[in-house]
Amino acid sequence: MSRLNFHTAQFMTSAPTLAACPPDDGREVAFAGRSNAGKSSAINALVQQKALARTSKTPGRTQLINFFGLANDTRERLVDLPGYGFAKVPESVKREWQRHLSEYLQKRRSLQGLVLMMDVRHPLTDFDEMLLGWADDQDMPVHILLTKADKLKPGAAKNTLLKVRRQLADWEDLVSIQLFSALKRQGVDELAARLDTWLLDEIDGG
């Protein structure tokens, strides 16, 4: 059982740039993924709220870095990074998003880890590998959620999990991977346990 009460998460603020983010103290974990990877649904499943992270029928609508504080203590935060990939926006806007994402991942001192969402049916896209490259450069731990696991039969989902693990074997000391389904609440406890290790000061490995 998680030691942090993720269901107490409350919206703090949205920031268009690193400079507009909340003070860089305490600890935070960022959620990233392609616009159609189920990022908002995963955050909502974790916090047991239907609409904390807003899901949109138009992928990529979220263009801001969204911060959520746990309980009344904003020193422990969840961060929803802009979705990327399928958004129908000009290439110049996409490049601007990418620059802000890169700046946030490279310079945010309170960032303890990155949760990277990949659709279990389409893992390791170019964008996923780009984010893994950034994380590797910063020696930043990454926990991968293979989302929408309910869309595959259990055997096929497990095979994908094993395949992705093999493909990322060189990063096994930095990367952990699990299956996840927001719809079925599959893997929520495992995700919460991982976030505990990153957000709680007294637990080694943060």
C-alpha atoms as a PDB file:
ATOM      1  CA  MET A   1       0.000   0.000   0.000  1.00  0.00           C
ATOM      2  CA  SER A   2       1.330   3.445  -0.936  1.00  0.00           C
ATOM      3  CA  ARG A   3       2.645   5.591   1.891  1.00  0.00           C
ATOM      4  CA  LEU A   4       1.655   8.752   0.034  1.00  0.00           C
ATOM      5  CA  ASN A   5      -1.986   9.773  -0.309  1.00  0.00           C
ATOM      6  CA  PHE A   6      -2.119  10.382  -4.036  1.00  0.00           C
ATOM      7  CA  HIS A   7      -5.891  10.860  -3.914  1.00  0.00           C
ATOM      8  CA  THR A   8      -5.277  14.176  -2.095  1.00  0.00           C
ATOM      9  CA  ALA A   9      -3.629  15.642  -5.212  1.00  0.00           C
ATOM     10  CA  GLN A  10      -4.806  19.158  -6.037  1.00  0.00           C
ATOM     11  CA  PHE A  11      -4.116  21.394  -8.999  1.00  0.00           C
ATOM     12  CA  MET A  12      -1.456  24.020  -8.269  1.00  0.00           C
ATOM     13  CA  THR A  13      -0.636  25.892 -11.463  1.00  0.00           C
ATOM     14  CA  SER A  14       0.106  25.630 -15.190  1.00  0.00           C
ATOM     15  CA  ALA A  15       3.376  26.953 -16.579  1.00  0.00           C
ATOM     16  CA  PRO A  16       4.257  27.647 -20.218  1.00  0.00           C
ATOM     17  CA  THR A  17       8.005  27.732 -19.514  1.00  0.00           C
ATOM     18  CA  LEU A  18      10.561  26.611 -16.930  1.00  0.00           C
ATOM     19  CA  ALA A  19      10.775  30.175 -15.600  1.00  0.00           C
ATOM     20  CA  ALA A  20       7.045  30.161 -14.794  1.00  0.00           C
ATOM     21  CA  CYS A  21       7.198  26.883 -12.802  1.00  0.00           C
ATOM     22  CA  PRO A  22       6.696  26.844  -9.005  1.00  0.00           C
ATOM     23  CA  PRO A  23       9.768  27.268  -6.767  1.00  0.00           C
ATOM     24  CA  ASP A  24      12.339  24.551  -7.466  1.00  0.00           C
ATOM     25  CA  ASP A  25      12.344  22.900  -4.037  1.00  0.00           C
ATOM     26  CA  GLY A  26      10.881  19.735  -2.539  1.00  0.00           C
ATOM     27  CA  ARG A  27      10.408  16.740  -4.832  1.00  0.00           C
ATOM     28  CA  GLU A  28       8.395  16.091  -7.958  1.00  0.00           C
ATOM     29  CA  VAL A  29       7.779  13.349 -10.488  1.00  0.00           C
ATOM     30  CA  ALA A  30       6.920  14.164 -14.099  1.00  0.00           C
ATOM     31  CA  PHE A  31       4.579  12.230 -16.406  1.00  0.00           C
ATOM     32  CA  ALA A  32       5.368  12.275 -20.118  1.00  0.00           C
ATOM     33  CA  GLY A  33       4.197  10.531 -23.251  1.00  0.00           C
ATOM     34  CA  ARG A  34       2.801  10.888 -26.713  1.00  0.00           C
ATOM     35  CA  SER A  35      -0.528  12.661 -26.906  1.00  0.00           C
ATOM     36  CA  ASN A  36      -2.449   9.409 -27.385  1.00  0.00           C
ATOM     37  CA  ALA A  37      -0.597   7.276 -24.826  1.00  0.00           C
ATOM     38  CA  GLY A  38      -3.191   7.671 -22.056  1.00  0.00           C
ATOM     39  CA  LYS A  39      -1.191  10.006 -19.825  1.00  0.00           C
ATOM     40  CA  SER A  40      -4.114  11.926 -18.317  1.00  0.00           C
ATOM     41  CA  SER A  41      -6.054   8.699 -17.725  1.00  0.00           C
ATOM     42  CA  ALA A  42      -3.064   7.187 -15.915  1.00  0.00           C
ATOM     43  CA  ILE A  43      -2.686  10.208 -13.618  1.00  0.00           C
ATOM     44  CA  ASN A  44      -6.425  10.209 -12.865  1.00  0.00           C
ATOM     45  CA  ALA A  45      -6.312   6.474 -12.050  1.00  0.00           C
ATOM     46  CA  LEU A  46      -3.370   7.044  -9.679  1.00  0.00           C
ATOM     47  CA  VAL A  47      -5.064   9.891  -7.793  1.00  0.00           C
ATOM     48  CA  GLN A  48      -8.529   8.267  -7.906  1.00  0.00           C
ATOM     49  CA  GLN A  49     -10.057  11.404  -9.386  1.00  0.00           C
ATOM     50  CA  LYS A  50     -11.980  11.535 -12.630  1.00  0.00           C
ATOM     51  CA  ALA A  51     -10.725  14.820 -13.996  1.00  0.00           C
ATOM     52  CA  LEU A  52      -7.646  16.095 -12.139  1.00  0.00           C
ATOM     53  CA  ALA A  53      -5.594  15.708 -15.313  1.00  0.00           C
ATOM     54  CA  ARG A  54      -7.920  16.663 -18.114  1.00  0.00           C
ATOM     55  CA  THR A  55      -8.356  14.173 -20.888  1.00  0.00           C
ATOM     56  CA  SER A  56      -9.080  15.603 -24.298  1.00  0.00           C
ATOM     57  CA  LYS A  57     -10.553  14.094 -27.437  1.00  0.00           C
ATOM     58  CA  THR A  58      -8.078  16.277 -29.309  1.00  0.00           C
ATOM     59  CA  PRO A  59      -4.616  14.798 -28.626  1.00  0.00           C
ATOM     60  CA  GLY A  60      -1.937  17.327 -27.828  1.00  0.00           C
ATOM     61  CA  ARG A  61      -4.217  20.065 -26.562  1.00  0.00           C
ATOM     62  CA  THR A  62      -2.239  20.341 -23.336  1.00  0.00           C
ATOM     63  CA  GLN A  63       0.591  22.735 -24.116  1.00  0.00           C
ATOM     64  CA  LEU A  64       1.445  23.689 -20.542  1.00  0.00           C
ATOM     65  CA  ILE A  65       3.401  22.058 -17.712  1.00  0.00           C
ATOM     66  CA  ASN A  66       0.735  21.284 -15.088  1.00  0.00           C
ATOM     67  CA  PHE A  67       1.630  20.935 -11.395  1.00  0.00           C
ATOM     68  CA  PHE A  68      -0.372  19.052  -8.738  1.00  0.00           C
ATOM     69  CA  GLY A  69       0.453  19.142  -5.027  1.00  0.00           C
ATOM     70  CA  LEU A  70      -0.243  16.248  -2.654  1.00  0.00           C
ATOM     71  CA  ALA A  71      -2.507  17.097   0.311  1.00  0.00           C
ATOM     72  CA  ASN A  72      -1.733  20.579   1.592  1.00  0.00           C
ATOM     73  CA  ASP A  73       1.998  20.086   1.135  1.00  0.00           C
ATOM     74  CA  THR A  74       3.175  21.350  -2.237  1.00  0.00           C
ATOM     75  CA  ARG A  75       6.712  20.095  -1.577  1.00  0.00           C
ATOM     76  CA  GLU A  76       5.616  16.746  -3.068  1.00  0.00           C
ATOM     77  CA  ARG A  77       4.286  17.234  -6.574  1.00  0.00           C
ATOM     78  CA  LEU A  78       3.090  15.399  -9.650  1.00  0.00           C
ATOM     79  CA  VAL A  79       3.818  17.120 -12.956  1.00  0.00           C
ATOM     80  CA  ASP A  80       1.887  16.561 -16.177  1.00  0.00           C
ATOM     81  CA  LEU A  81       4.149  17.433 -19.103  1.00  0.00           C
ATOM     82  CA  PRO A  82       2.753  18.498 -22.493  1.00  0.00           C
ATOM     83  CA  GLY A  83       1.652  15.645 -24.719  1.00  0.00           C
ATOM     84  CA  TYR A  84       3.483  15.364 -27.983  1.00  0.00           C
ATOM     85  CA  GLY A  85       3.091  13.720 -31.347  1.00  0.00           C
ATOM     86  CA  PHE A  86      -0.364  13.819 -32.865  1.00  0.00           C
ATOM     87  CA  ALA A  87      -1.217  17.429 -32.140  1.00  0.00           C
ATOM     88  CA  LYS A  88      -2.315  19.358 -35.199  1.00  0.00           C
ATOM     89  CA  VAL A  89      -0.132  22.361 -34.573  1.00  0.00           C
ATOM     90  CA  PRO A  90       2.551  24.082 -36.655  1.00  0.00           C
ATOM     91  CA  GLU A  91       6.031  22.554 -36.636  1.00  0.00           C
ATOM     92  CA  SER A  92       7.387  25.713 -35.017  1.00  0.00           C
ATOM     93  CA  VAL A  93       5.056  25.194 -32.045  1.00  0.00           C
ATOM     94  CA  LYS A  94       6.161  21.575 -31.705  1.00  0.00           C
ATOM     95  CA  ARG A  95       9.791  22.686 -31.653  1.00  0.00           C
ATOM     96  CA  GLU A  96       8.943  25.223 -28.936  1.00  0.00           C
ATOM     97  CA  TRP A  97       7.291  22.497 -26.824  1.00  0.00           C
ATOM     98  CA  GLN A  98      10.341  20.314 -27.318  1.00  0.00           C
ATOM     99  CA  ARG A  99      12.666  23.103 -26.180  1.00  0.00           C
ATOM    100  CA  HIS A 100      10.645  23.720 -22.994  1.00  0.00           C
ATOM    101  CA  LEU A 101      10.449  19.984 -22.280  1.00  0.00           C
ATOM    102  CA  SER A 102      14.186  19.610 -22.702  1.00  0.00           C
ATOM    103  CA  GLU A 103      14.878  22.630 -20.500  1.00  0.00           C
ATOM    104  CA  TYR A 104      12.570  21.343 -17.776  1.00  0.00           C
ATOM    105  CA  LEU A 105      14.110  17.843 -17.772  1.00  0.00           C
ATOM    106  CA  GLN A 106      17.665  19.170 -17.781  1.00  0.00           C
ATOM    107  CA  LYS A 107      17.416  22.022 -15.281  1.00  0.00           C
ATOM    108  CA  ARG A 108      14.662  21.185 -12.776  1.00  0.00           C
ATOM    109  CA  ARG A 109      16.546  20.217  -9.614  1.00  0.00           C
ATOM    110  CA  SER A 110      13.487  18.950  -7.711  1.00  0.00           C
ATOM    111  CA  LEU A 111      12.665  16.416 -10.443  1.00  0.00           C
ATOM    112  CA  GLN A 112      13.294  12.944  -9.000  1.00  0.00           C
ATOM    113  CA  GLY A 113      12.082  10.716 -11.810  1.00  0.00           C
ATOM    114  CA  LEU A 114      10.152  10.478 -15.049  1.00  0.00           C
ATOM    115  CA  VAL A 115       7.101   8.296 -15.691  1.00  0.00           C
ATOM    116  CA  LEU A 116       7.020   7.639 -19.425  1.00  0.00           C
ATOM    117  CA  MET A 117       3.790   6.369 -20.933  1.00  0.00           C
ATOM    118  CA  MET A 118       3.784   4.215 -24.057  1.00  0.00           C
ATOM    119  CA  ASP A 119       0.751   2.590 -25.673  1.00  0.00           C
ATOM    120  CA  VAL A 120       1.458  -1.136 -25.251  1.00  0.00           C
ATOM    121  CA  ARG A 121       0.517  -1.599 -28.915  1.00  0.00           C
ATOM    122  CA  HIS A 122       3.044   1.012 -30.122  1.00  0.00           C
ATOM    123  CA  PRO A 123       5.998   1.180 -27.708  1.00  0.00           C
ATOM    124  CA  LEU A 124       9.349   2.904 -28.186  1.00  0.00           C
ATOM    125  CA  THR A 125       8.429   5.566 -30.733  1.00  0.00           C
ATOM    126  CA  ASP A 126      11.015   8.140 -31.809  1.00  0.00           C
ATOM    127  CA  PHE A 127       9.656  10.517 -29.181  1.00  0.00           C
ATOM    128  CA  ASP A 128       9.961   7.874 -26.455  1.00  0.00           C
ATOM    129  CA  GLU A 129      13.576   7.239 -27.401  1.00  0.00           C
ATOM    130  CA  MET A 130      14.278  10.976 -27.429  1.00  0.00           C
ATOM    131  CA  LEU A 131      12.945  11.297 -23.869  1.00  0.00           C
ATOM    132  CA  LEU A 132      14.966   8.267 -22.764  1.00  0.00           C
ATOM    133  CA  GLY A 133      18.033   9.937 -24.259  1.00  0.00           C
ATOM    134  CA  TRP A 134      17.388  13.105 -22.241  1.00  0.00           C
ATOM    135  CA  ALA A 135      16.903  11.042 -19.083  1.00  0.00           C
ATOM    136  CA  ASP A 136      20.111   9.120 -19.748  1.00  0.00           C
ATOM    137  CA  ASP A 137      22.044  12.378 -20.153  1.00  0.00           C
ATOM    138  CA  GLN A 138      20.743  13.570 -16.766  1.00  0.00           C
ATOM    139  CA  ASP A 139      21.099  10.174 -15.051  1.00  0.00           C
ATOM    140  CA  MET A 140      17.363  10.470 -14.373  1.00  0.00           C
ATOM    141  CA  PRO A 141      15.451   7.291 -13.427  1.00  0.00           C
ATOM    142  CA  VAL A 142      12.535   6.425 -15.709  1.00  0.00           C
ATOM    143  CA  HIS A 143       9.535   4.220 -14.951  1.00  0.00           C
ATOM    144  CA  ILE A 144       7.770   3.127 -18.136  1.00  0.00           C
ATOM    145  CA  LEU A 145       4.046   2.405 -18.167  1.00  0.00           C
ATOM    146  CA  LEU A 146       2.926   0.246 -21.076  1.00  0.00           C
ATOM    147  CA  THR A 147      -0.580   1.696 -21.066  1.00  0.00           C
ATOM    148  CA  LYS A 148      -3.884   0.359 -22.403  1.00  0.00           C
ATOM    149  CA  ALA A 149      -2.798  -3.175 -21.484  1.00  0.00           C
ATOM    150  CA  ASP A 150      -6.494  -4.156 -21.497  1.00  0.00           C
ATOM    151  CA  LYS A 151      -6.452  -3.732 -25.300  1.00  0.00           C
ATOM    152  CA  LEU A 152      -4.305  -6.871 -25.638  1.00  0.00           C
ATOM    153  CA  LYS A 153      -4.760 -10.402 -24.382  1.00  0.00           C
ATOM    154  CA  PRO A 154      -2.665 -11.061 -21.259  1.00  0.00           C
ATOM    155  CA  GLY A 155      -0.170 -13.231 -23.100  1.00  0.00           C
ATOM    156  CA  ALA A 156       0.396 -10.664 -25.838  1.00  0.00           C
ATOM    157  CA  ALA A 157       0.769  -7.842 -23.294  1.00  0.00           C
ATOM    158  CA  LYS A 158       3.335  -9.879 -21.329  1.00  0.00           C
ATOM    159  CA  ASN A 159       5.266 -10.598 -24.518  1.00  0.00           C
ATOM    160  CA  THR A 160       5.422  -6.883 -25.296  1.00  0.00           C
ATOM    161  CA  LEU A 161       6.646  -6.183 -21.761  1.00  0.00           C
ATOM    162  CA  LEU A 162       9.450  -8.730 -22.138  1.00  0.00           C
ATOM    163  CA  LYS A 163      10.358  -7.424 -25.598  1.00  0.00           C
ATOM    164  CA  VAL A 164      10.639  -3.818 -24.399  1.00  0.00           C
ATOM    165  CA  ARG A 165      12.730  -4.945 -21.417  1.00  0.00           C
ATOM    166  CA  ARG A 166      15.125  -6.708 -23.793  1.00  0.00           C
ATOM    167  CA  GLN A 167      15.336  -3.645 -26.030  1.00  0.00           C
ATOM    168  CA  LEU A 168      16.205  -1.445 -23.043  1.00  0.00           C
ATOM    169  CA  ALA A 169      18.535  -3.940 -21.363  1.00  0.00           C
ATOM    170  CA  ASP A 170      21.454  -1.504 -21.567  1.00  0.00           C
ATOM    171  CA  TRP A 171      19.491   0.928 -19.372  1.00  0.00           C
ATOM    172  CA  GLU A 172      18.222  -1.583 -16.806  1.00  0.00           C
ATOM    173  CA  ASP A 173      19.841   0.249 -13.871  1.00  0.00           C
ATOM    174  CA  LEU A 174      17.997   3.448 -14.853  1.00  0.00           C
ATOM    175  CA  VAL A 175      14.734   2.160 -16.348  1.00  0.00           C
ATOM    176  CA  SER A 176      11.912   0.045 -14.879  1.00  0.00           C
ATOM    177  CA  ILE A 177       8.883  -1.127 -16.872  1.00  0.00           C
ATOM    178  CA  GLN A 178       5.375  -2.372 -16.083  1.00  0.00           C
ATOM    179  CA  LEU A 179       2.024  -3.055 -17.734  1.00  0.00           C
ATOM    180  CA  PHE A 180      -0.748  -0.568 -16.937  1.00  0.00           C
ATOM    181  CA  SER A 181      -4.446  -0.148 -17.619  1.00  0.00           C
ATOM    182  CA  ALA A 182      -6.272   2.905 -16.284  1.00  0.00           C
ATOM    183  CA  LEU A 183      -9.591   1.338 -17.270  1.00  0.00           C
ATOM    184  CA  LYS A 184      -8.981  -1.840 -15.251  1.00  0.00           C
ATOM    185  CA  ARG A 185      -6.802  -0.127 -12.613  1.00  0.00           C
ATOM    186  CA  GLN A 186      -4.106  -2.654 -13.482  1.00  0.00           C
ATOM    187  CA  GLY A 187      -0.673  -1.680 -12.165  1.00  0.00           C
ATOM    188  CA  VAL A 188      -1.818   1.337 -10.120  1.00  0.00           C
ATOM    189  CA  ASP A 189      -0.363  -0.031  -6.859  1.00  0.00           C
ATOM    190  CA  GLU A 190       2.944  -0.824  -8.553  1.00  0.00           C
ATOM    191  CA  LEU A 191       3.127   2.716  -9.933  1.00  0.00           C
ATOM    192  CA  ALA A 192       2.301   4.232  -6.527  1.00  0.00           C
ATOM    193  CA  ALA A 193       5.048   2.176  -4.876  1.00  0.00           C
ATOM    194  CA  ARG A 194       7.583   3.445  -7.411  1.00  0.00           C
ATOM    195  CA  LEU A 195       6.545   7.057  -6.803  1.00  0.00           C
ATOM    196  CA  ASP A 196       6.893   6.520  -3.036  1.00  0.00           C
ATOM    197  CA  THR A 197      10.578   5.700  -3.519  1.00  0.00           C
ATOM    198  CA  TRP A 198      11.118   8.888  -5.514  1.00  0.00           C
ATOM    199  CA  LEU A 199       9.064  11.349  -3.460  1.00  0.00           C
ATOM    200  CA  LEU A 200       9.759  10.315   0.116  1.00  0.00           C
ATOM    201  CA  ASP A 201      13.025  11.681   1.529  1.00  0.00           C
ATOM    202  CA  GLU A 202      13.592   8.905   4.016  1.00  0.00           C
ATOM    203  CA  ILE A 203      13.456   6.124   1.427  1.00  0.00           C
ATOM    204  CA  ASP A 204      16.751   5.340  -0.243  1.00  0.00           C
ATOM    205  CA  GLY A 205      16.764   5.489  -4.026  1.00  0.00           C
ATOM    206  CA  GLY A 206      15.025   8.845  -4.457  1.00  0.00           C
END
